[in-house]
Every structure is written in structure tokens, then in C-alpha cells.
Amino acid sequence: MIGSKMPRNRKFNIEFQYYDPDKEEREGHRIKFERGRIGRKSARAMGLFWLMILAVMTFMAIRYLIGVSAGGG
């Protein structure tokens, strides 16, 4: 017989899972989001700090290049 050795399809059972926020709260698995250490004002202050550092370094680089082009090393 030709078809006796053919593989058969496997049977499976799907268990659907739905999100239940009340159950998550009871079981304590709920993810709670908290704000990090750096607040909005602090982040702005750090941005301003790095902007000032960049401006000073740019000014120093331009001054150095002007000195080199004038021959002052």
C-alpha cells in the first residue's frame, strides 16, 4: 500500500489568553512606570551645560587655528 507510511498531522489545542488588568493587579504582576532620577529641569540644565562646553571648545579651536595661520604656533 502506497499511502500507509504517510506522516499524519499533529493535533494541538490552543489556549487563548486575554489581558485582564484586574487579575494582573491582584497577582502583583502589573508593571508600574516611575519617572527617572533626572527631571525635566535637570535635563535642560545638563543640555545647557554641554552647550556651553561645546561653545568654549569651538572658540578655543578657532583661536588656535587663527594663531597657526598667522604663524604664531
PDB file of N, CA and C in Angstrom:
ATOM      1  N   MET A   1       0.813  -1.169   0.000  1.00  0.00           N
ATOM      2  CA  MET A   1       0.000   0.000   0.000  1.00  0.00           C
ATOM      3  C   MET A   1       0.869   1.250   0.000  1.00  0.00           C
ATOM      4  N   ILE A   2       0.547   2.157  -0.848  1.00  0.00           N
ATOM      5  CA  ILE A   2       1.377   3.335  -1.045  1.00  0.00           C
ATOM      6  C   ILE A   2       1.213   4.356   0.081  1.00  0.00           C
ATOM      7  N   GLY A   3       0.014   4.627   0.546  1.00  0.00           N
ATOM      8  CA  GLY A   3      -0.244   5.698   1.498  1.00  0.00           C
ATOM      9  C   GLY A   3      -0.167   5.308   2.955  1.00  0.00           C
ATOM     10  N   SER A   4       0.288   4.132   3.316  1.00  0.00           N
ATOM     11  CA  SER A   4       0.259   3.708   4.710  1.00  0.00           C
ATOM     12  C   SER A   4       1.381   4.343   5.543  1.00  0.00           C
ATOM     13  N   LYS A   5       2.473   4.788   4.949  1.00  0.00           N
ATOM     14  CA  LYS A   5       3.608   5.353   5.675  1.00  0.00           C
ATOM     15  C   LYS A   5       3.623   6.895   5.677  1.00  0.00           C
ATOM     16  N   MET A   6       2.553   7.507   5.235  1.00  0.00           N
ATOM     17  CA  MET A   6       2.489   8.966   5.170  1.00  0.00           C
ATOM     18  C   MET A   6       2.395   9.543   6.581  1.00  0.00           C
ATOM     19  N   PRO A   7       3.121  10.642   6.870  1.00  0.00           N
ATOM     20  CA  PRO A   7       3.025  11.261   8.194  1.00  0.00           C
ATOM     21  C   PRO A   7       1.662  11.907   8.392  1.00  0.00           C
ATOM     22  N   ARG A   8       1.201  11.873   9.612  1.00  0.00           N
ATOM     23  CA  ARG A   8      -0.107  12.441   9.933  1.00  0.00           C
ATOM     24  C   ARG A   8       0.077  13.830  10.568  1.00  0.00           C
ATOM     25  N   ASN A   9      -0.937  14.672  10.453  1.00  0.00           N
ATOM     26  CA  ASN A   9      -0.910  15.980  11.091  1.00  0.00           C
ATOM     27  C   ASN A   9      -0.992  15.824  12.607  1.00  0.00           C
ATOM     28  N   ARG A  10      -0.256  16.669  13.316  1.00  0.00           N
ATOM     29  CA  ARG A  10      -0.311  16.653  14.769  1.00  0.00           C
ATOM     30  C   ARG A  10      -1.542  17.419  15.241  1.00  0.00           C
ATOM     31  N   LYS A  11      -2.141  16.949  16.307  1.00  0.00           N
ATOM     32  CA  LYS A  11      -3.284  17.644  16.879  1.00  0.00           C
ATOM     33  C   LYS A  11      -2.770  18.548  17.991  1.00  0.00           C
ATOM     34  N   PHE A  12      -3.320  19.724  18.100  1.00  0.00           N
ATOM     35  CA  PHE A  12      -2.922  20.658  19.154  1.00  0.00           C
ATOM     36  C   PHE A  12      -4.138  21.410  19.654  1.00  0.00           C
ATOM     37  N   ASN A  13      -3.984  21.957  20.846  1.00  0.00           N
ATOM     38  CA  ASN A  13      -5.059  22.689  21.477  1.00  0.00           C
ATOM     39  C   ASN A  13      -4.547  24.093  21.800  1.00  0.00           C
ATOM     40  N   ILE A  14      -5.225  25.116  21.312  1.00  0.00           N
ATOM     41  CA  ILE A  14      -4.817  26.496  21.561  1.00  0.00           C
ATOM     42  C   ILE A  14      -5.590  27.011  22.766  1.00  0.00           C
ATOM     43  N   GLU A  15      -4.864  27.525  23.753  1.00  0.00           N
ATOM     44  CA  GLU A  15      -5.498  28.141  24.906  1.00  0.00           C
ATOM     45  C   GLU A  15      -5.337  29.645  24.764  1.00  0.00           C
ATOM     46  N   PHE A  16      -6.416  30.342  24.494  1.00  0.00           N
ATOM     47  CA  PHE A  16      -6.335  31.776  24.294  1.00  0.00           C
ATOM     48  C   PHE A  16      -6.174  32.482  25.626  1.00  0.00           C
ATOM     49  N   GLN A  17      -5.318  33.516  25.640  1.00  0.00           N
ATOM     50  CA  GLN A  17      -5.092  34.285  26.852  1.00  0.00           C
ATOM     51  C   GLN A  17      -5.478  35.734  26.568  1.00  0.00           C
ATOM     52  N   TYR A  18      -6.297  36.269  27.423  1.00  0.00           N
ATOM     53  CA  TYR A  18      -6.746  37.645  27.274  1.00  0.00           C
ATOM     54  C   TYR A  18      -6.183  38.469  28.424  1.00  0.00           C
ATOM     55  N   TYR A  19      -5.946  39.726  28.167  1.00  0.00           N
ATOM     56  CA  TYR A  19      -5.418  40.624  29.184  1.00  0.00           C
ATOM     57  C   TYR A  19      -6.532  41.024  30.140  1.00  0.00           C
ATOM     58  N   ASP A  20      -6.323  40.773  31.406  1.00  0.00           N
ATOM     59  CA  ASP A  20      -7.280  41.145  32.439  1.00  0.00           C
ATOM     60  C   ASP A  20      -6.551  42.033  33.441  1.00  0.00           C
ATOM     61  N   PRO A  21      -6.728  43.361  33.385  1.00  0.00           N
ATOM     62  CA  PRO A  21      -5.980  44.252  34.272  1.00  0.00           C
ATOM     63  C   PRO A  21      -6.273  44.021  35.751  1.00  0.00           C
ATOM     64  N   ASP A  22      -7.509  43.623  36.088  1.00  0.00           N
ATOM     65  CA  ASP A  22      -7.832  43.370  37.495  1.00  0.00           C
ATOM     66  C   ASP A  22      -7.071  42.167  38.029  1.00  0.00           C
ATOM     67  N   LYS A  23      -6.975  41.142  37.229  1.00  0.00           N
ATOM     68  CA  LYS A  23      -6.236  39.946  37.634  1.00  0.00           C
ATOM     69  C   LYS A  23      -4.749  40.266  37.783  1.00  0.00           C
ATOM     70  N   GLU A  24      -4.220  41.068  36.872  1.00  0.00           N
ATOM     71  CA  GLU A  24      -2.816  41.473  36.953  1.00  0.00           C
ATOM     72  C   GLU A  24      -2.556  42.252  38.245  1.00  0.00           C
ATOM     73  N   GLU A  25      -3.496  43.122  38.601  1.00  0.00           N
ATOM     74  CA  GLU A  25      -3.354  43.930  39.813  1.00  0.00           C
ATOM     75  C   GLU A  25      -3.383  43.036  41.059  1.00  0.00           C
ATOM     76  N   ARG A  26      -4.290  42.073  41.083  1.00  0.00           N
ATOM     77  CA  ARG A  26      -4.396  41.178  42.233  1.00  0.00           C
ATOM     78  C   ARG A  26      -3.157  40.318  42.398  1.00  0.00           C
ATOM     79  N   GLU A  27      -2.622  39.835  41.299  1.00  0.00           N
ATOM     80  CA  GLU A  27      -1.468  38.944  41.371  1.00  0.00           C
ATOM     81  C   GLU A  27      -0.156  39.689  41.555  1.00  0.00           C
ATOM     82  N   GLY A  28      -0.174  40.993  41.395  1.00  0.00           N
ATOM     83  CA  GLY A  28       1.022  41.783  41.626  1.00  0.00           C
ATOM     84  C   GLY A  28       2.005  41.773  40.468  1.00  0.00           C
ATOM     85  N   HIS A  29       1.562  41.424  39.287  1.00  0.00           N
ATOM     86  CA  HIS A  29       2.444  41.376  38.131  1.00  0.00           C
ATOM     87  C   HIS A  29       2.389  42.649  37.308  1.00  0.00           C
ATOM     88  N   ARG A  30       1.625  43.608  37.755  1.00  0.00           N
ATOM     89  CA  ARG A  30       1.449  44.824  36.970  1.00  0.00           C
ATOM     90  C   ARG A  30       2.753  45.620  36.937  1.00  0.00           C
ATOM     91  N   ILE A  31       3.105  46.106  35.770  1.00  0.00           N
ATOM     92  CA  ILE A  31       4.315  46.906  35.601  1.00  0.00           C
ATOM     93  C   ILE A  31       3.967  48.347  35.943  1.00  0.00           C
ATOM     94  N   LYS A  32       4.710  48.903  36.852  1.00  0.00           N
ATOM     95  CA  LYS A  32       4.482  50.291  37.244  1.00  0.00           C
ATOM     96  C   LYS A  32       5.626  51.138  36.737  1.00  0.00           C
ATOM     97  N   PHE A  33       5.292  52.195  36.027  1.00  0.00           N
ATOM     98  CA  PHE A  33       6.296  53.074  35.462  1.00  0.00           C
ATOM     99  C   PHE A  33       6.534  54.238  36.408  1.00  0.00           C
ATOM    100  N   GLU A  34       7.803  54.518  36.648  1.00  0.00           N
ATOM    101  CA  GLU A  34       8.165  55.632  37.504  1.00  0.00           C
ATOM    102  C   GLU A  34       9.112  56.548  36.751  1.00  0.00           C
ATOM    103  N   ARG A  35       9.064  57.794  37.105  1.00  0.00           N
ATOM    104  CA  ARG A  35       9.927  58.768  36.471  1.00  0.00           C
ATOM    105  C   ARG A  35      11.355  58.553  36.977  1.00  0.00           C
ATOM    106  N   GLY A  36      12.324  58.731  36.086  1.00  0.00           N
ATOM    107  CA  GLY A  36      13.720  58.545  36.449  1.00  0.00           C
ATOM    108  C   GLY A  36      14.229  59.617  37.384  1.00  0.00           C
ATOM    109  N   ARG A  37      15.492  59.544  37.724  1.00  0.00           N
ATOM    110  CA  ARG A  37      16.090  60.499  38.652  1.00  0.00           C
ATOM    111  C   ARG A  37      16.149  61.904  38.074  1.00  0.00           C
ATOM    112  N   ILE A  38      16.454  61.991  36.796  1.00  0.00           N
ATOM    113  CA  ILE A  38      16.622  63.302  36.176  1.00  0.00           C
ATOM    114  C   ILE A  38      15.262  63.825  35.733  1.00  0.00           C
ATOM    115  N   GLY A  39      14.872  64.942  36.306  1.00  0.00           N
ATOM    116  CA  GLY A  39      13.608  65.566  35.930  1.00  0.00           C
ATOM    117  C   GLY A  39      13.791  66.420  34.691  1.00  0.00           C
ATOM    118  N   ARG A  40      12.739  67.051  34.293  1.00  0.00           N
ATOM    119  CA  ARG A  40      12.767  67.864  33.078  1.00  0.00           C
ATOM    120  C   ARG A  40      13.706  69.066  33.238  1.00  0.00           C
ATOM    121  N   LYS A  41      13.657  69.730  34.385  1.00  0.00           N
ATOM    122  CA  LYS A  41      14.509  70.902  34.600  1.00  0.00           C
ATOM    123  C   LYS A  41      15.979  70.506  34.655  1.00  0.00           C
ATOM    124  N   SER A  42      16.261  69.400  35.302  1.00  0.00           N
ATOM    125  CA  SER A  42      17.635  68.945  35.420  1.00  0.00           C
ATOM    126  C   SER A  42      18.206  68.561  34.051  1.00  0.00           C
ATOM    127  N   ALA A  43      17.383  67.933  33.213  1.00  0.00           N
ATOM    128  CA  ALA A  43      17.832  67.553  31.873  1.00  0.00           C
ATOM    129  C   ALA A  43      18.140  68.797  31.035  1.00  0.00           C
ATOM    130  N   ARG A  44      17.331  69.839  31.201  1.00  0.00           N
ATOM    131  CA  ARG A  44      17.593  71.082  30.473  1.00  0.00           C
ATOM    132  C   ARG A  44      18.894  71.720  30.945  1.00  0.00           C
ATOM    133  N   ALA A  45      19.138  71.656  32.244  1.00  0.00           N
ATOM    134  CA  ALA A  45      20.365  72.232  32.792  1.00  0.00           C
ATOM    135  C   ALA A  45      21.584  71.484  32.245  1.00  0.00           C
ATOM    136  N   MET A  46      21.498  70.156  32.147  1.00  0.00           N
ATOM    137  CA  MET A  46      22.608  69.370  31.605  1.00  0.00           C
ATOM    138  C   MET A  46      22.819  69.705  30.130  1.00  0.00           C
ATOM    139  N   GLY A  47      21.750  69.905  29.393  1.00  0.00           N
ATOM    140  CA  GLY A  47      21.865  70.278  27.985  1.00  0.00           C
ATOM    141  C   GLY A  47      22.544  71.632  27.834  1.00  0.00           C
ATOM    142  N   LEU A  48      22.186  72.564  28.702  1.00  0.00           N
ATOM    143  CA  LEU A  48      22.805  73.889  28.683  1.00  0.00           C
ATOM    144  C   LEU A  48      24.285  73.800  29.035  1.00  0.00           C
ATOM    145  N   PHE A  49      24.610  72.932  29.995  1.00  0.00           N
ATOM    146  CA  PHE A  49      25.998  72.729  30.392  1.00  0.00           C
ATOM    147  C   PHE A  49      26.835  72.231  29.208  1.00  0.00           C
ATOM    148  N   TRP A  50      26.347  71.225  28.510  1.00  0.00           N
ATOM    149  CA  TRP A  50      27.097  70.673  27.376  1.00  0.00           C
ATOM    150  C   TRP A  50      27.160  71.662  26.213  1.00  0.00           C
ATOM    151  N   LEU A  51      26.135  72.487  26.045  1.00  0.00           N
ATOM    152  CA  LEU A  51      26.162  73.518  25.018  1.00  0.00           C
ATOM    153  C   LEU A  51      27.258  74.540  25.310  1.00  0.00           C
ATOM    154  N   MET A  52      27.395  74.925  26.565  1.00  0.00           N
ATOM    155  CA  MET A  52      28.445  75.874  26.949  1.00  0.00           C
ATOM    156  C   MET A  52      29.833  75.254  26.738  1.00  0.00           C
ATOM    157  N   ILE A  53      30.008  73.996  27.100  1.00  0.00           N
ATOM    158  CA  ILE A  53      31.288  73.306  26.887  1.00  0.00           C
ATOM    159  C   ILE A  53      31.623  73.286  25.394  1.00  0.00           C
ATOM    160  N   LEU A  54      30.649  72.969  24.557  1.00  0.00           N
ATOM    161  CA  LEU A  54      30.862  72.941  23.112  1.00  0.00           C
ATOM    162  C   LEU A  54      31.237  74.321  22.586  1.00  0.00           C
ATOM    163  N   ALA A  55      30.572  75.360  23.083  1.00  0.00           N
ATOM    164  CA  ALA A  55      30.877  76.720  22.632  1.00  0.00           C
ATOM    165  C   ALA A  55      32.298  77.116  23.012  1.00  0.00           C
ATOM    166  N   VAL A  56      32.723  76.791  24.243  1.00  0.00           N
ATOM    167  CA  VAL A  56      34.086  77.119  24.688  1.00  0.00           C
ATOM    168  C   VAL A  56      35.121  76.372  23.850  1.00  0.00           C
ATOM    169  N   MET A  57      34.871  75.093  23.590  1.00  0.00           N
ATOM    170  CA  MET A  57      35.828  74.308  22.799  1.00  0.00           C
ATOM    171  C   MET A  57      35.891  74.815  21.353  1.00  0.00           C
ATOM    172  N   THR A  58      34.766  75.218  20.794  1.00  0.00           N
ATOM    173  CA  THR A  58      34.754  75.780  19.440  1.00  0.00           C
ATOM    174  C   THR A  58      35.544  77.085  19.399  1.00  0.00           C
ATOM    175  N   PHE A  59      35.322  77.940  20.398  1.00  0.00           N
ATOM    176  CA  PHE A  59      36.058  79.197  20.482  1.00  0.00           C
ATOM    177  C   PHE A  59      37.568  78.946  20.578  1.00  0.00           C
ATOM    178  N   MET A  60      37.966  77.968  21.393  1.00  0.00           N
ATOM    179  CA  MET A  60      39.396  77.651  21.541  1.00  0.00           C
ATOM    180  C   MET A  60      39.984  77.104  20.243  1.00  0.00           C
ATOM    181  N   ALA A  61      39.221  76.272  19.515  1.00  0.00           N
ATOM    182  CA  ALA A  61      39.701  75.710  18.255  1.00  0.00           C
ATOM    183  C   ALA A  61      39.878  76.813  17.207  1.00  0.00           C
ATOM    184  N   ILE A  62      38.925  77.736  17.127  1.00  0.00           N
ATOM    185  CA  ILE A  62      39.037  78.836  16.169  1.00  0.00           C
ATOM    186  C   ILE A  62      40.233  79.716  16.516  1.00  0.00           C
ATOM    187  N   ARG A  63      40.402  80.002  17.802  1.00  0.00           N
ATOM    188  CA  ARG A  63      41.532  80.828  18.230  1.00  0.00           C
ATOM    189  C   ARG A  63      42.870  80.157  17.902  1.00  0.00           C
ATOM    190  N   TYR A  64      42.935  78.841  18.102  1.00  0.00           N
ATOM    191  CA  TYR A  64      44.152  78.081  17.788  1.00  0.00           C
ATOM    192  C   TYR A  64      44.441  78.132  16.281  1.00  0.00           C
ATOM    193  N   LEU A  65      43.405  77.933  15.480  1.00  0.00           N
ATOM    194  CA  LEU A  65      43.596  77.924  14.029  1.00  0.00           C
ATOM    195  C   LEU A  65      43.995  79.306  13.508  1.00  0.00           C
ATOM    196  N   ILE A  66      43.468  80.355  14.090  1.00  0.00           N
ATOM    197  CA  ILE A  66      43.876  81.711  13.696  1.00  0.00           C
ATOM    198  C   ILE A  66      45.338  81.934  14.050  1.00  0.00           C
ATOM    199  N   GLY A  67      45.771  81.439  15.220  1.00  0.00           N
ATOM    200  CA  GLY A  67      47.165  81.578  15.632  1.00  0.00           C
ATOM    201  C   GLY A  67      48.087  80.804  14.729  1.00  0.00           C
ATOM    202  N   VAL A  68      47.693  79.615  14.302  1.00  0.00           N
ATOM    203  CA  VAL A  68      48.523  78.803  13.407  1.00  0.00           C
ATOM    204  C   VAL A  68      48.636  79.463  12.050  1.00  0.00           C
ATOM    205  N   SER A  69      47.534  80.012  11.544  1.00  0.00           N
ATOM    206  CA  SER A  69      47.594  80.638  10.224  1.00  0.00           C
ATOM    207  C   SER A  69      48.420  81.925  10.242  1.00  0.00           C
ATOM    208  N   ALA A  70      48.505  82.587  11.369  1.00  0.00           N
ATOM    209  CA  ALA A  70      49.320  83.821  11.472  1.00  0.00           C
ATOM    210  C   ALA A  70      50.792  83.488  11.683  1.00  0.00           C
ATOM    211  N   GLY A  71      51.067  82.202  11.930  1.00  0.00           N
ATOM    212  CA  GLY A  71      52.467  81.801  12.114  1.00  0.00           C
ATOM    213  C   GLY A  71      52.910  81.863  13.555  1.00  0.00           C
ATOM    214  N   GLY A  72      51.990  82.012  14.472  1.00  0.00           N
ATOM    215  CA  GLY A  72      52.345  82.139  15.869  1.00  0.00           C
ATOM    216  C   GLY A  72      52.375  80.827  16.630  1.00  0.00           C
ATOM    217  N   GLY A  73      52.066  79.659  16.001  1.00  0.00           N
ATOM    218  CA  GLY A  73      52.188  78.356  16.611  1.00  0.00           C
ATOM    219  C   GLY A  73      51.407  78.232  17.812  1.00  0.00           C
TER     220      GLY A  73
END
